[in-house]
C-alpha atoms as a PDB file:
ATOM      1  CA  MET A   1      29.609   6.367  82.016  1.00  0.00           C
ATOM      2  CA  ASP A   2      27.600   9.187  80.510  1.00  0.00           C
ATOM      3  CA  ARG A   3      24.317   8.853  78.612  1.00  0.00           C
ATOM      4  CA  HIS A   4      25.926   9.009  75.177  1.00  0.00           C
ATOM      5  CA  SER A   5      28.323   6.156  75.967  1.00  0.00           C
ATOM      6  CA  ARG A   6      25.484   3.985  77.252  1.00  0.00           C
ATOM      7  CA  ILE A   7      23.476   4.514  74.013  1.00  0.00           C
ATOM      8  CA  VAL A   8      26.491   3.649  71.879  1.00  0.00           C
ATOM      9  CA  ALA A   9      27.138   0.483  73.880  1.00  0.00           C
ATOM     10  CA  LEU A  10      23.490  -0.546  73.597  1.00  0.00           C
ATOM     11  CA  LEU A  11      23.453   0.042  69.823  1.00  0.00           C
ATOM     12  CA  LYS A  12      26.579  -2.120  69.456  1.00  0.00           C
ATOM     13  CA  VAL A  13      24.515  -5.015  70.756  1.00  0.00           C
ATOM     14  CA  LEU A  14      21.134  -4.246  69.170  1.00  0.00           C
ATOM     15  CA  LEU A  15      22.261  -3.497  65.613  1.00  0.00           C
ATOM     16  CA  PRO A  16      24.044  -6.832  65.035  1.00  0.00           C
ATOM     17  CA  LEU A  17      21.020  -8.649  66.488  1.00  0.00           C
ATOM     18  CA  ALA A  18      18.679  -6.757  64.131  1.00  0.00           C
ATOM     19  CA  ALA A  19      20.905  -7.662  61.175  1.00  0.00           C
ATOM     20  CA  LEU A  20      20.736 -11.345  62.143  1.00  0.00           C
ATOM     21  CA  VAL A  21      16.930 -11.179  62.378  1.00  0.00           C
ATOM     22  CA  LEU A  22      16.683  -9.567  58.929  1.00  0.00           C
ATOM     23  CA  LEU A  23      18.989 -12.154  57.358  1.00  0.00           C
ATOM     24  CA  SER A  24      17.056 -15.045  58.892  1.00  0.00           C
ATOM     25  CA  THR A  25      13.727 -13.709  57.543  1.00  0.00           C
ATOM     26  CA  VAL A  26      15.234 -13.413  54.052  1.00  0.00           C
ATOM     27  CA  PHE A  27      16.237 -17.075  54.114  1.00  0.00           C
ATOM     28  CA  LEU A  28      12.846 -18.163  55.501  1.00  0.00           C
ATOM     29  CA  ILE A  29      10.958 -16.297  52.757  1.00  0.00           C
ATOM     30  CA  SER A  30      13.176 -17.726  50.027  1.00  0.00           C
ATOM     31  CA  ARG A  31      12.444 -21.286  51.244  1.00  0.00           C
ATOM     32  CA  GLU A  32       8.692 -20.736  50.923  1.00  0.00           C
ATOM     33  CA  ALA A  33       8.959 -19.297  47.385  1.00  0.00           C
ATOM     34  CA  ASP A  34       8.026 -21.570  44.480  1.00  0.00           C
ATOM     35  CA  THR A  35      11.192 -21.950  42.446  1.00  0.00           C
ATOM     36  CA  GLU A  36       9.592 -24.117  39.732  1.00  0.00           C
ATOM     37  CA  ALA A  37       9.017 -22.240  36.505  1.00  0.00           C
ATOM     38  CA  ARG A  38       5.428 -22.457  35.333  1.00  0.00           C
ATOM     39  CA  ILE A  39       4.344 -21.976  31.711  1.00  0.00           C
ATOM     40  CA  PRO A  40       1.401 -19.512  31.573  1.00  0.00           C
ATOM     41  CA  PHE A  41      -0.782 -21.814  29.413  1.00  0.00           C
ATOM     42  CA  ALA A  42      -3.309 -24.474  30.267  1.00  0.00           C
ATOM     43  CA  GLN A  43      -2.347 -28.044  29.395  1.00  0.00           C
ATOM     44  CA  LYS A  44      -5.186 -28.318  26.873  1.00  0.00           C
ATOM     45  CA  GLU A  45      -4.041 -25.132  25.119  1.00  0.00           C
ATOM     46  CA  ILE A  46      -0.469 -26.430  24.920  1.00  0.00           C
ATOM     47  CA  GLU A  47      -1.671 -29.698  23.368  1.00  0.00           C
ATOM     48  CA  GLU A  48      -3.749 -27.793  20.790  1.00  0.00           C
ATOM     49  CA  ARG A  49      -0.780 -25.597  19.879  1.00  0.00           C
ATOM     50  CA  MET A  50       1.499 -28.630  19.525  1.00  0.00           C
ATOM     51  CA  ARG A  51      -0.917 -30.410  17.172  1.00  0.00           C
ATOM     52  CA  GLY A  52      -0.552 -27.906  14.351  1.00  0.00           C
ATOM     53  CA  GLN A  53       0.568 -24.506  13.246  1.00  0.00           C
ATOM     54  CA  GLN A  54      -1.608 -21.507  13.940  1.00  0.00           C
ATOM     55  CA  ILE A  55      -1.625 -17.737  13.814  1.00  0.00           C
ATOM     56  CA  THR A  56      -3.057 -15.822  16.754  1.00  0.00           C
ATOM     57  CA  GLY A  57      -4.749 -12.480  16.104  1.00  0.00           C
ATOM     58  CA  PRO A  58      -4.175 -12.218  12.326  1.00  0.00           C
ATOM     59  CA  PHE A  59      -5.565  -9.372  10.250  1.00  0.00           C
ATOM     60  CA  PHE A  60      -5.936  -8.541   6.564  1.00  0.00           C
ATOM     61  CA  ALA A  61      -6.344  -4.963   5.353  1.00  0.00           C
ATOM     62  CA  GLY A  62      -6.958  -3.765   1.824  1.00  0.00           C
ATOM     63  CA  THR A  63      -8.619  -1.172  -0.369  1.00  0.00           C
ATOM     64  CA  THR A  64     -10.884  -1.821  -3.346  1.00  0.00           C
ATOM     65  CA  ALA A  65     -10.574  -0.076  -6.705  1.00  0.00           C
ATOM     66  CA  ALA A  66     -13.475   2.175  -5.642  1.00  0.00           C
ATOM     67  CA  GLY A  67     -11.611   3.268  -2.483  1.00  0.00           C
ATOM     68  CA  ASP A  68     -13.588   1.160   0.012  1.00  0.00           C
ATOM     69  CA  GLU A  69     -11.524  -0.072   2.987  1.00  0.00           C
ATOM     70  CA  ILE A  70     -11.697  -3.719   4.086  1.00  0.00           C
ATOM     71  CA  LEU A  71     -10.292  -4.961   7.402  1.00  0.00           C
ATOM     72  CA  ILE A  72     -10.626  -8.655   8.339  1.00  0.00           C
ATOM     73  CA  THR A  73      -9.531 -10.043  11.715  1.00  0.00           C
ATOM     74  CA  ALA A  74      -9.828 -13.324  13.641  1.00  0.00           C
ATOM     75  CA  THR A  75      -8.826 -14.607  17.053  1.00  0.00           C
ATOM     76  CA  ARG A  76      -6.968 -17.548  15.506  1.00  0.00           C
ATOM     77  CA  VAL A  77      -6.260 -19.018  12.065  1.00  0.00           C
ATOM     78  CA  THR A  78      -4.984 -22.532  11.347  1.00  0.00           C
ATOM     79  CA  PRO A  79      -3.487 -22.909   7.863  1.00  0.00           C
ATOM     80  CA  GLY A  80      -5.078 -25.332   5.437  1.00  0.00           C
ATOM     81  CA  ASP A  81      -3.204 -28.175   3.777  1.00  0.00           C
ATOM     82  CA  GLY A  82      -2.474 -27.903   0.068  1.00  0.00           C
ATOM     83  CA  SER A  83      -5.182 -26.006  -1.761  1.00  0.00           C
ATOM     84  CA  ALA A  84      -7.558 -25.995   1.237  1.00  0.00           C
ATOM     85  CA  PRO A  85      -8.327 -22.566   2.777  1.00  0.00           C
ATOM     86  CA  ALA A  86      -7.244 -21.575   6.278  1.00  0.00           C
ATOM     87  CA  ASN A  87      -9.771 -22.072   9.089  1.00  0.00           C
ATOM     88  CA  ALA A  88     -10.536 -19.094  11.315  1.00  0.00           C
ATOM     89  CA  ASP A  89     -12.174 -18.632  14.728  1.00  0.00           C
ATOM     90  CA  MET A  90     -14.305 -15.558  15.497  1.00  0.00           C
ATOM     91  CA  LEU A  91     -13.978 -14.026  12.034  1.00  0.00           C
ATOM     92  CA  GLU A  92     -14.841 -10.327  11.667  1.00  0.00           C
ATOM     93  CA  ALA A  93     -14.827  -7.938   8.703  1.00  0.00           C
ATOM     94  CA  ILE A  94     -15.236  -4.165   8.858  1.00  0.00           C
ATOM     95  CA  LEU A  95     -16.059  -2.360   5.599  1.00  0.00           C
ATOM     96  CA  ARG A  96     -15.617   1.416   5.451  1.00  0.00           C
ATOM     97  CA  LEU A  97     -17.302   2.594   2.266  1.00  0.00           C
ATOM     98  CA  ALA A  98     -15.723   5.381   0.219  1.00  0.00           C
ATOM     99  CA  LYS A  99     -19.124   7.037  -0.294  1.00  0.00           C
ATOM    100  CA  GLY A 100     -19.867   6.964   3.427  1.00  0.00           C
ATOM    101  CA  GLY A 101     -21.264   4.280   5.666  1.00  0.00           C
ATOM    102  CA  ARG A 102     -19.908   1.253   7.406  1.00  0.00           C
ATOM    103  CA  MET A 103     -20.758  -2.434   7.453  1.00  0.00           C
ATOM    104  CA  THR A 104     -19.635  -5.132   9.911  1.00  0.00           C
ATOM    105  CA  MET A 105     -19.732  -8.903   9.425  1.00  0.00           C
ATOM    106  CA  ARG A 106     -19.091 -11.376  12.263  1.00  0.00           C
ATOM    107  CA  SER A 107     -19.251 -15.149  12.660  1.00  0.00           C
ATOM    108  CA  GLN A 108     -18.087 -17.823  15.100  1.00  0.00           C
ATOM    109  CA  ALA A 109     -15.951 -19.534  12.457  1.00  0.00           C
ATOM    110  CA  GLY A 110     -14.978 -19.255   8.829  1.00  0.00           C
ATOM    111  CA  GLN A 111     -12.439 -19.875   6.108  1.00  0.00           C
ATOM    112  CA  PHE A 112      -9.884 -17.452   4.739  1.00  0.00           C
ATOM    113  CA  SER A 113      -8.212 -17.663   1.292  1.00  0.00           C
ATOM    114  CA  PRO A 114      -5.984 -14.602   0.664  1.00  0.00           C
ATOM    115  CA  ASN A 115      -4.578 -16.140  -2.535  1.00  0.00           C
ATOM    116  CA  LYS A 116      -8.111 -16.312  -3.977  1.00  0.00           C
ATOM    117  CA  ASP A 117      -9.221 -13.025  -2.363  1.00  0.00           C
ATOM    118  CA  THR A 118     -12.154 -14.714  -0.616  1.00  0.00           C
ATOM    119  CA  ALA A 119     -13.416 -15.261   2.916  1.00  0.00           C
ATOM    120  CA  GLN A 120     -16.305 -17.411   4.097  1.00  0.00           C
ATOM    121  CA  PHE A 121     -18.213 -16.663   7.309  1.00  0.00           C
ATOM    122  CA  LYS A 122     -19.896 -19.676   8.941  1.00  0.00           C
ATOM    123  CA  GLY A 123     -22.136 -20.180  11.949  1.00  0.00           C
ATOM    124  CA  ASP A 124     -24.265 -17.408  13.490  1.00  0.00           C
ATOM    125  CA  VAL A 125     -23.259 -14.796  10.921  1.00  0.00           C
ATOM    126  CA  ILE A 126     -24.350 -11.267  11.886  1.00  0.00           C
ATOM    127  CA  ILE A 127     -24.186  -8.350   9.433  1.00  0.00           C
ATOM    128  CA  THR A 128     -24.808  -4.808  10.702  1.00  0.00           C
ATOM    129  CA  THR A 129     -24.921  -1.538   8.765  1.00  0.00           C
ATOM    130  CA  ALA A 130     -24.512   2.091   9.835  1.00  0.00           C
ATOM    131  CA  ASP A 131     -28.230   2.794   9.299  1.00  0.00           C
ATOM    132  CA  GLY A 132     -29.293   0.126  11.819  1.00  0.00           C
ATOM    133  CA  LEU A 133     -29.977  -2.909   9.616  1.00  0.00           C
ATOM    134  CA  VAL A 134     -29.097  -6.210  11.336  1.00  0.00           C
ATOM    135  CA  VAL A 135     -29.050  -9.407   9.256  1.00  0.00           C
ATOM    136  CA  GLU A 136     -28.572 -12.940  10.608  1.00  0.00           C
ATOM    137  CA  THR A 137     -27.711 -16.012   8.523  1.00  0.00           C
ATOM    138  CA  GLU A 138     -25.605 -19.174   8.684  1.00  0.00           C
ATOM    139  CA  GLU A 139     -23.186 -18.584   5.801  1.00  0.00           C
ATOM    140  CA  LEU A 140     -21.762 -15.591   3.950  1.00  0.00           C
ATOM    141  CA  ASN A 141     -19.276 -15.778   1.060  1.00  0.00           C
ATOM    142  CA  THR A 142     -17.301 -12.576   0.491  1.00  0.00           C
ATOM    143  CA  HIS A 143     -14.575 -11.151  -1.749  1.00  0.00           C
ATOM    144  CA  LEU A 144     -11.517  -9.364  -0.369  1.00  0.00           C
ATOM    145  CA  ASN A 145     -10.727  -7.186  -3.375  1.00  0.00           C
ATOM    146  CA  GLU A 146     -14.237  -5.712  -3.835  1.00  0.00           C
ATOM    147  CA  ILE A 147     -17.485  -5.181  -1.930  1.00  0.00           C
ATOM    148  CA  LYS A 148     -19.293  -8.317  -3.009  1.00  0.00           C
ATOM    149  CA  ALA A 149     -20.911 -11.022  -0.864  1.00  0.00           C
ATOM    150  CA  THR A 150     -23.656 -13.626  -1.070  1.00  0.00           C
ATOM    151  CA  ALA A 151     -25.669 -15.436   1.586  1.00  0.00           C
ATOM    152  CA  PRO A 152     -26.898 -18.663  -0.029  1.00  0.00           C
ATOM    153  CA  GLU A 153     -29.029 -19.714   2.954  1.00  0.00           C
ATOM    154  CA  SER A 154     -32.097 -18.104   4.506  1.00  0.00           C
ATOM    155  CA  ILE A 155     -31.690 -14.782   6.290  1.00  0.00           C
ATOM    156  CA  ARG A 156     -33.511 -12.971   9.093  1.00  0.00           C
ATOM    157  CA  ALA A 157     -33.275  -9.180   9.230  1.00  0.00           C
ATOM    158  CA  ASN A 158     -34.434  -6.259  11.332  1.00  0.00           C
ATOM    159  CA  GLY A 159     -34.327  -2.720  10.014  1.00  0.00           C
ATOM    160  CA  ALA A 160     -36.057   0.641   9.778  1.00  0.00           C
ATOM    161  CA  LEU A 161     -39.144  -0.786   8.028  1.00  0.00           C
ATOM    162  CA  GLY A 162     -39.578  -3.778  10.308  1.00  0.00           C
ATOM    163  CA  THR A 163     -38.527  -7.433  10.361  1.00  0.00           C
ATOM    164  CA  PHE A 164     -38.284  -9.658   7.309  1.00  0.00           C
ATOM    165  CA  THR A 165     -36.983 -12.981   6.042  1.00  0.00           C
ATOM    166  CA  ALA A 166     -35.641 -14.092   2.667  1.00  0.00           C
ATOM    167  CA  GLY A 167     -34.159 -17.158   1.045  1.00  0.00           C
ATOM    168  CA  GLN A 168     -30.977 -15.417  -0.145  1.00  0.00           C
ATOM    169  CA  MET A 169     -29.111 -12.128   0.082  1.00  0.00           C
ATOM    170  CA  GLN A 170     -26.557 -10.348  -2.086  1.00  0.00           C
ATOM    171  CA  ILE A 171     -24.284  -7.401  -1.253  1.00  0.00           C
ATOM    172  CA  ASP A 172     -22.881  -5.719  -4.356  1.00  0.00           C
ATOM    173  CA  SER A 173     -22.101  -2.345  -5.924  1.00  0.00           C
ATOM    174  CA  PHE A 174     -22.974  -3.740  -9.396  1.00  0.00           C
ATOM    175  CA  SER A 175     -20.324  -1.397 -10.866  1.00  0.00           C
ATOM    176  CA  PRO A 176     -16.799  -0.393  -9.780  1.00  0.00           C
ATOM    177  CA  SER A 177     -17.876   3.140  -8.885  1.00  0.00           C
ATOM    178  CA  GLY A 178     -21.474   2.459  -7.846  1.00  0.00           C
ATOM    179  CA  SER A 179     -23.080   2.600  -4.406  1.00  0.00           C
ATOM    180  CA  VAL A 180     -23.259  -0.591  -2.362  1.00  0.00           C
ATOM    181  CA  HIS A 181     -26.691  -2.266  -2.306  1.00  0.00           C
ATOM    182  CA  ILE A 182     -28.088  -5.130  -0.233  1.00  0.00           C
ATOM    183  CA  VAL A 183     -30.536  -7.170  -2.300  1.00  0.00           C
ATOM    184  CA  PHE A 184     -32.896  -9.752  -0.739  1.00  0.00           C
ATOM    185  CA  ASN A 185     -34.561 -12.352  -2.945  1.00  0.00           C
ATOM    186  CA  ASN A 186     -36.121 -15.818  -3.032  1.00  0.00           C
ATOM    187  CA  GLY A 187     -39.341 -15.463  -1.032  1.00  0.00           C
ATOM    188  CA  VAL A 188     -38.957 -12.152   0.818  1.00  0.00           C
ATOM    189  CA  LYS A 189     -41.514 -11.711   3.635  1.00  0.00           C
ATOM    190  CA  LEU A 190     -41.731  -8.325   5.385  1.00  0.00           C
ATOM    191  CA  VAL A 191     -43.544  -7.559   8.620  1.00  0.00           C
ATOM    192  CA  TYR A 192     -44.004  -3.785   8.331  1.00  0.00           C
ATOM    193  CA  ASP A 193     -43.831  -1.711  11.519  1.00  0.00           C
ATOM    194  CA  PRO A 194     -45.132   1.852  10.839  1.00  0.00           C
ATOM    195  CA  THR A 195     -43.895   3.101  14.219  1.00  0.00           C
ATOM    196  CA  LYS A 196     -40.285   2.416  13.140  1.00  0.00           C
ATOM    197  CA  SER A 197     -40.577   4.458   9.955  1.00  0.00           C
ATOM    198  CA  GLU A 198     -41.980   7.431  11.924  1.00  0.00           C
ATOM    199  CA  ARG A 199     -38.953   7.581  14.263  1.00  0.00           C
END
């Protein structure tokens, strides 16, 4: 028997054995696999979703008569019952002003009423402007069809002039085509920092 015949005879034995080994490993792996389908949600999250309707990642976009752009988003909104507004988690509004500038409003929670064109920011509200002003308050009531908002509770702010506090704040253009102004009133106290104004 020559060398070629011996190799062929050996392969006739080895190849079927290798096929059996491969088949057996396939069956062993399939036995260890978890065949139970698992839902990719925690049990608590499933229970919360079953309790009521909700919208995940909603957004509202609009433009005012003056050309200002308003974009409002939230991580989750649960609809209100009857005339009650919808409740929102992690509410955020971005205002792009037609005359230049940008303003951002964020809060941990809030209420959203598209039929009344209003939104209410509640809990650790932070307002930031393009020129570096940062305002903190606990509540901010805004309109969706125009740049208009009021903070009825006390505010704390930090800006180019320094830090200051006030009892109330108003954001308004005061006319359809006017520039947007932030007005602080009701006991304004300013701690002036001259080094900030020099920068």
